[in-house]
Every structure is written in C-alpha cells, then in structure tokens.
Amino acid sequence: MAKQFGTLDVLSSGRAILGVGVGGEFPKQFEGFGVPLSERGRRTDEGIEIVRSLWTEPESGYDSPRFRFEGITMEPKPLQHPHPPIWVGGRPGGVETGPDGKPRFKSTTGAIQRAARYADAWDPYYMTPEMYRESVTAIRAHAEEIGRDVSSMEWALTTFWLMRDSYDEALEAAARKLRYGRDLSARIARYDILGSPADVIRRLETFIDAGVRYFICNWSCEPSEVPRHLELIGNEVIPHFR
C-alpha cells in the first residue's frame, strides 16, 4: 500500500489521499486472509505507522507481534510532505458481525481514538448531524489528552445520494436498492442525502453546521443517472454554498 500510494502521489502530481478503515462488516474476507477479526484495529494502527515510516524515512523497520522487519527502503517517495494525507473512517458504535456470526455493536471509541492519533482528516459514514458533531468533539478531546494538535485536521463525511423531484420519490427509489448486497433500507431516511436540489441543500446545511467540510458522494441511483446527478449538484447545489 505504501508503494502503491507513493507512486500514485507522484503520478498525480501530489494529489493522492489515503483513506483508512478497519472494515469488519464482512468477516469472510478476514477469514480468507487468515487475519483474526479481533486484531483488525491493532493491525490498522500499526499499518498506518508502517506506511508513514516508509513514506518519510530513508530506511524503515518495525517490530510487533504482527509485523516485523528492518532495513526496508521504498522509492519513489511521495511528493507531498510530510506525506499524503491520511483520512481515517469508521462508524463509532455501528453494528458488525461477531466471531459467533451474530450481530454486535462496534467499539464506540476505536475509530475516534485512531483519528485523534493518526488522521489528517476524519471521514465517517452513516451519521446524523448530531452524531457527527459529537464525534468531532470526542476527537478533539482525545487529541488534547494525548498531546496532539488537530487544529489543521479536515472534517469529511461519506454519504449516499439519490436525487429526484421530491424527497418521497428519492426515498422510495433508494429503498428499493440493495447496498453492499444487503437490504439497508432502514438506514436510508436517517443517514442519506435525498430529494430535490432544495432538499439536498437543506440536508447539507445541517451537516455543515455540525462541522462537515467535505462530502464524499456514493450514488444510490443507477449508473446511467450519475451524469444527471452531477449536473444538478454542479448547477443548483454547489452555487448555493459559494
């Protein structure tokens, strides 16, 4: 990953961003790689440390129960200094599948602490404005506890969009689609960006008030509808915020 994103940063003239999350929604993926699901948080933290070392140090080494190496060099180094920004994602307290195959709640603090310690940006998903505001407060508080300055941190949110002439039309269309191969329609009204351009603007304003400055768009519409969505966003939504 360090090599891939270091090269991407060079090829893109210093515009690469590394997004990091622990995963866990699909335990079979971890089984396939022989990685215990319970280790994913620690592995992710150590992975971030290793990638940053490979990006910034002439020669890298690491020693933990999961990763052990020394004398590794990596070229080309990224163009961005000190390194490409690392955007940490997560959903504090979300639901996942446990080792016994049954649903359980995720940690409410793991992603928050990871962002406070390592992130250049916080980019969660499936959040209400209230949840987002609370997460920003928690990250700042934990960063202060560990002595890290996060005044330059960026604040983002991954969202799912579907635009129609009305909110009800958009909600109905979004509820019909599977997401990640599953029926997640119960989440749509609570978390998604839905409706007409006016509906979308009002929804975005509530998130902006909560601290969001970047919106990552996932499309709940059909692929053929994406160009129309981009036109509506470019012509009617973005001008409202300029």
Protein backbone atom coordinates (compact mmCIF):
# COMPACT_ATOMS: atom_id res chain seq x y z
CA MET A 1 0.00 0.00 0.00
CA ALA A 2 2.82 2.41 0.82
CA LYS A 3 4.39 1.71 -2.57
CA GLN A 4 1.11 2.00 -4.45
CA PHE A 5 0.06 5.31 -2.90
CA GLY A 6 3.59 6.71 -3.02
CA THR A 7 3.65 6.04 -6.75
CA LEU A 8 0.10 7.38 -7.16
CA ASP A 9 1.13 10.60 -5.43
CA VAL A 10 3.98 11.04 -7.92
CA LEU A 11 1.78 10.23 -10.93
CA SER A 12 -0.95 12.64 -9.74
CA SER A 13 1.49 15.49 -9.02
CA GLY A 14 0.89 15.27 -5.28
CA ARG A 15 -2.88 14.79 -5.12
CA ALA A 16 -3.22 11.31 -3.57
CA ILE A 17 -5.25 10.77 -0.38
CA LEU A 18 -5.11 7.53 1.59
CA GLY A 19 -8.43 6.54 3.14
CA VAL A 20 -8.17 4.05 6.02
CA GLY A 21 -10.77 1.99 7.88
CA VAL A 22 -10.66 -1.28 9.76
CA GLY A 23 -13.54 -2.99 7.94
CA GLY A 24 -15.22 -5.93 9.61
CA GLU A 25 -18.64 -5.90 8.00
CA PHE A 26 -17.70 -9.00 6.01
CA PRO A 27 -15.87 -11.44 8.32
CA LYS A 28 -15.35 -13.95 5.49
CA GLN A 29 -12.90 -11.54 3.89
CA PHE A 30 -10.74 -11.70 7.01
CA GLU A 31 -11.01 -15.49 7.11
CA GLY A 32 -9.75 -15.63 3.54
CA PHE A 33 -6.53 -13.87 4.52
CA GLY A 34 -6.13 -15.72 7.81
CA VAL A 35 -6.47 -12.48 9.79
CA PRO A 36 -8.35 -12.64 13.12
CA LEU A 37 -11.20 -10.16 13.09
CA SER A 38 -10.35 -9.17 16.65
CA GLU A 39 -6.93 -7.88 15.55
CA ARG A 40 -8.11 -5.53 12.84
CA GLY A 41 -7.92 -2.38 14.95
CA ARG A 42 -4.37 -3.01 16.16
CA ARG A 43 -3.28 -4.11 12.68
CA THR A 44 -4.71 -0.92 11.19
CA ASP A 45 -2.94 1.32 13.71
CA GLU A 46 0.36 -0.45 13.12
CA GLY A 47 -0.20 -0.38 9.38
CA ILE A 48 -0.61 3.39 9.46
CA GLU A 49 2.63 3.73 11.41
CA ILE A 50 4.46 1.50 8.95
CA VAL A 51 3.14 3.27 5.86
CA ARG A 52 4.08 6.67 7.27
CA SER A 53 7.56 5.39 8.07
CA LEU A 54 8.06 4.00 4.56
CA TRP A 55 6.88 7.30 3.08
CA THR A 56 9.13 9.52 5.19
CA GLU A 57 12.22 7.58 6.35
CA PRO A 58 15.24 6.62 4.20
CA GLU A 59 15.17 3.18 5.83
CA SER A 60 12.35 1.64 7.85
CA GLY A 61 11.94 -1.04 10.47
CA TYR A 62 9.15 -2.26 12.73
CA ASP A 63 8.79 -4.81 15.50
CA SER A 64 5.44 -6.06 16.78
CA PRO A 65 3.71 -9.44 17.14
CA ARG A 66 2.04 -8.81 13.78
CA PHE A 67 4.69 -7.01 11.71
CA ARG A 68 8.44 -7.45 11.98
CA PHE A 69 11.06 -6.16 9.52
CA GLU A 70 14.15 -3.98 9.29
CA GLY A 71 16.27 -2.28 6.65
CA ILE A 72 13.42 -1.70 4.17
CA THR A 73 13.69 1.17 1.70
CA MET A 74 10.89 2.40 -0.53
CA GLU A 75 11.04 4.55 -3.65
CA PRO A 76 9.67 6.71 -5.06
CA LYS A 77 8.81 8.79 -2.03
CA PRO A 78 5.51 10.69 -2.27
CA LEU A 79 5.65 14.29 -3.46
CA GLN A 80 3.50 15.60 -0.61
CA HIS A 81 5.27 16.49 2.62
CA PRO A 82 5.49 15.12 5.14
CA HIS A 83 3.31 12.54 3.34
CA PRO A 84 -0.05 12.19 1.54
CA PRO A 85 -2.93 12.96 3.88
CA ILE A 86 -4.44 10.01 5.73
CA TRP A 87 -8.21 10.13 6.09
CA VAL A 88 -9.48 7.82 8.81
CA GLY A 89 -13.03 6.49 8.58
CA GLY A 90 -15.29 4.49 10.82
CA ARG A 91 -18.66 4.41 12.49
CA PRO A 92 -18.43 4.53 16.28
CA GLY A 93 -20.97 2.16 17.79
CA GLY A 94 -22.14 0.73 14.47
CA VAL A 95 -23.24 -2.87 14.07
CA GLU A 96 -20.96 -5.65 12.87
CA THR A 97 -20.91 -9.43 12.77
CA GLY A 98 -19.09 -11.02 15.71
CA PRO A 99 -16.93 -14.18 15.70
CA ASP A 100 -20.03 -16.22 16.52
CA GLY A 101 -21.80 -14.94 13.42
CA LYS A 102 -24.24 -12.83 15.42
CA PRO A 103 -24.67 -9.04 15.23
CA ARG A 104 -22.88 -6.97 17.85
CA PHE A 105 -22.06 -3.29 18.38
CA LYS A 106 -18.70 -1.92 17.29
CA SER A 107 -16.42 -0.04 19.63
CA THR A 108 -17.63 3.48 20.34
CA THR A 109 -14.10 4.77 20.78
CA GLY A 110 -11.77 2.84 18.44
CA ALA A 111 -12.22 4.95 15.31
CA ILE A 112 -12.34 8.16 17.36
CA GLN A 113 -9.01 7.38 19.03
CA ARG A 114 -7.46 6.31 15.72
CA ALA A 115 -8.48 9.57 14.08
CA ALA A 116 -7.23 11.63 17.02
CA ARG A 117 -3.86 9.88 16.96
CA TYR A 118 -3.16 9.44 13.25
CA ALA A 119 -5.63 11.17 10.95
CA ASP A 120 -5.21 14.23 8.80
CA ALA A 121 -8.96 14.06 8.24
CA TRP A 122 -11.96 12.37 9.85
CA ASP A 123 -14.30 10.70 7.35
CA PRO A 124 -17.02 8.55 8.97
CA TYR A 125 -20.25 7.31 7.38
CA TYR A 126 -23.84 6.57 8.36
CA MET A 127 -24.04 9.51 10.75
CA THR A 128 -26.70 12.05 11.63
CA PRO A 129 -25.63 15.68 12.13
CA GLU A 130 -25.88 15.17 15.88
CA MET A 131 -23.67 12.07 15.76
CA TYR A 132 -21.13 13.89 13.61
CA ARG A 133 -20.95 16.86 15.97
CA GLU A 134 -20.38 14.50 18.90
CA SER A 135 -17.62 12.67 17.02
CA VAL A 136 -15.76 15.92 16.31
CA THR A 137 -15.94 16.88 19.97
CA ALA A 138 -14.69 13.44 21.01
CA ILE A 139 -11.75 13.51 18.57
CA ARG A 140 -10.65 16.93 19.74
CA ALA A 141 -10.91 15.86 23.38
CA HIS A 142 -8.86 12.69 22.86
CA ALA A 143 -6.26 14.55 20.80
CA GLU A 144 -5.85 17.00 23.67
CA GLU A 145 -5.40 14.09 26.08
CA ILE A 146 -2.54 12.62 24.04
CA GLY A 147 -0.98 15.99 23.24
CA ARG A 148 -1.67 16.11 19.52
CA ASP A 149 -2.61 19.31 17.71
CA VAL A 150 -5.57 18.66 15.38
CA SER A 151 -6.25 22.31 14.51
CA SER A 152 -5.39 21.58 10.86
CA MET A 153 -7.50 18.40 10.63
CA GLU A 154 -10.06 18.23 7.83
CA TRP A 155 -13.63 17.13 8.52
CA ALA A 156 -15.37 14.95 5.94
CA LEU A 157 -18.39 12.66 5.69
CA THR A 158 -19.06 9.76 3.34
CA THR A 159 -22.66 9.97 2.15
CA PHE A 160 -25.12 8.19 -0.15
CA TRP A 161 -27.08 10.36 -2.59
CA LEU A 162 -30.22 9.92 -4.66
CA MET A 163 -31.93 12.92 -6.24
CA ARG A 164 -35.46 13.13 -7.60
CA ASP A 165 -38.14 15.79 -7.94
CA SER A 166 -39.24 15.18 -4.36
CA TYR A 167 -37.90 13.67 -1.14
CA ASP A 168 -40.55 10.92 -1.12
CA GLU A 169 -39.67 9.84 -4.67
CA ALA A 170 -35.99 9.69 -3.80
CA LEU A 171 -36.63 7.77 -0.57
CA GLU A 172 -38.76 5.19 -2.37
CA ALA A 173 -36.20 4.71 -5.14
CA ALA A 174 -33.29 4.40 -2.70
CA ALA A 175 -35.14 1.89 -0.51
CA ARG A 176 -35.54 -0.47 -3.47
CA LYS A 177 -31.79 -0.90 -3.98
CA LEU A 178 -29.52 -3.31 -2.16
CA ARG A 179 -26.36 -1.84 -0.65
CA TYR A 180 -23.26 -4.00 -0.21
CA GLY A 181 -25.53 -6.86 -1.31
CA ARG A 182 -27.86 -6.31 1.66
CA ASP A 183 -31.13 -4.60 2.42
CA LEU A 184 -30.12 -1.46 4.33
CA SER A 185 -33.32 0.47 3.64
CA ALA A 186 -33.85 1.06 7.37
CA ARG A 187 -30.80 3.36 7.35
CA ILE A 188 -31.70 5.41 4.31
CA ALA A 189 -34.09 8.03 5.71
CA ARG A 190 -31.84 8.58 8.73
CA TYR A 191 -28.50 8.98 7.00
CA ASP A 192 -28.76 9.55 3.22
CA ILE A 193 -28.84 12.72 1.12
CA LEU A 194 -32.18 12.51 -0.68
CA GLY A 195 -34.67 14.55 -2.66
CA SER A 196 -34.72 17.63 -4.85
CA PRO A 197 -31.81 20.09 -5.00
CA ALA A 198 -33.62 22.20 -2.38
CA ASP A 199 -33.97 19.15 -0.12
CA VAL A 200 -30.31 18.31 -0.60
CA ILE A 201 -29.21 21.87 0.22
CA ARG A 202 -31.18 21.85 3.47
CA ARG A 203 -29.72 18.47 4.42
CA LEU A 204 -26.17 19.52 3.66
CA GLU A 205 -26.58 22.68 5.73
CA THR A 206 -27.40 20.62 8.82
CA PHE A 207 -24.18 18.64 8.37
CA ILE A 208 -22.14 21.77 7.68
CA ASP A 209 -23.46 23.24 10.92
CA ALA A 210 -22.22 20.06 12.64
CA GLY A 211 -18.70 20.58 11.27
CA VAL A 212 -18.55 18.76 7.91
CA ARG A 213 -16.47 20.48 5.22
CA TYR A 214 -16.07 17.70 2.62
CA PHE A 215 -18.78 15.36 1.35
CA ILE A 216 -17.77 12.07 -0.27
CA CYS A 217 -20.58 11.05 -2.62
CA ASN A 218 -21.69 7.47 -3.17
CA TRP A 219 -24.52 7.10 -5.66
CA SER A 220 -27.68 5.19 -4.75
CA CYS A 221 -29.04 5.91 -8.21
CA GLU A 222 -28.48 3.81 -11.33
CA PRO A 223 -25.12 4.39 -13.08
CA SER A 224 -26.94 5.94 -16.05
CA GLU A 225 -28.34 8.62 -13.71
CA VAL A 226 -25.00 9.77 -12.33
CA PRO A 227 -24.38 12.42 -15.05
CA ARG A 228 -27.76 13.99 -14.27
CA HIS A 229 -26.93 13.99 -10.56
CA LEU A 230 -23.64 15.73 -11.28
CA GLU A 231 -25.43 18.35 -13.37
CA LEU A 232 -27.91 19.06 -10.58
CA ILE A 233 -25.15 19.28 -7.97
CA GLY A 234 -22.98 21.50 -10.18
CA ASN A 235 -25.74 23.80 -11.40
CA GLU A 236 -28.06 24.03 -8.38
CA VAL A 237 -26.42 22.74 -5.20
CA ILE A 238 -22.82 23.99 -5.30
CA PRO A 239 -23.72 27.59 -6.29
CA HIS A 240 -25.78 27.87 -3.10
CA PHE A 241 -22.64 27.42 -0.98
CA ARG A 242 -20.35 29.78 -2.91
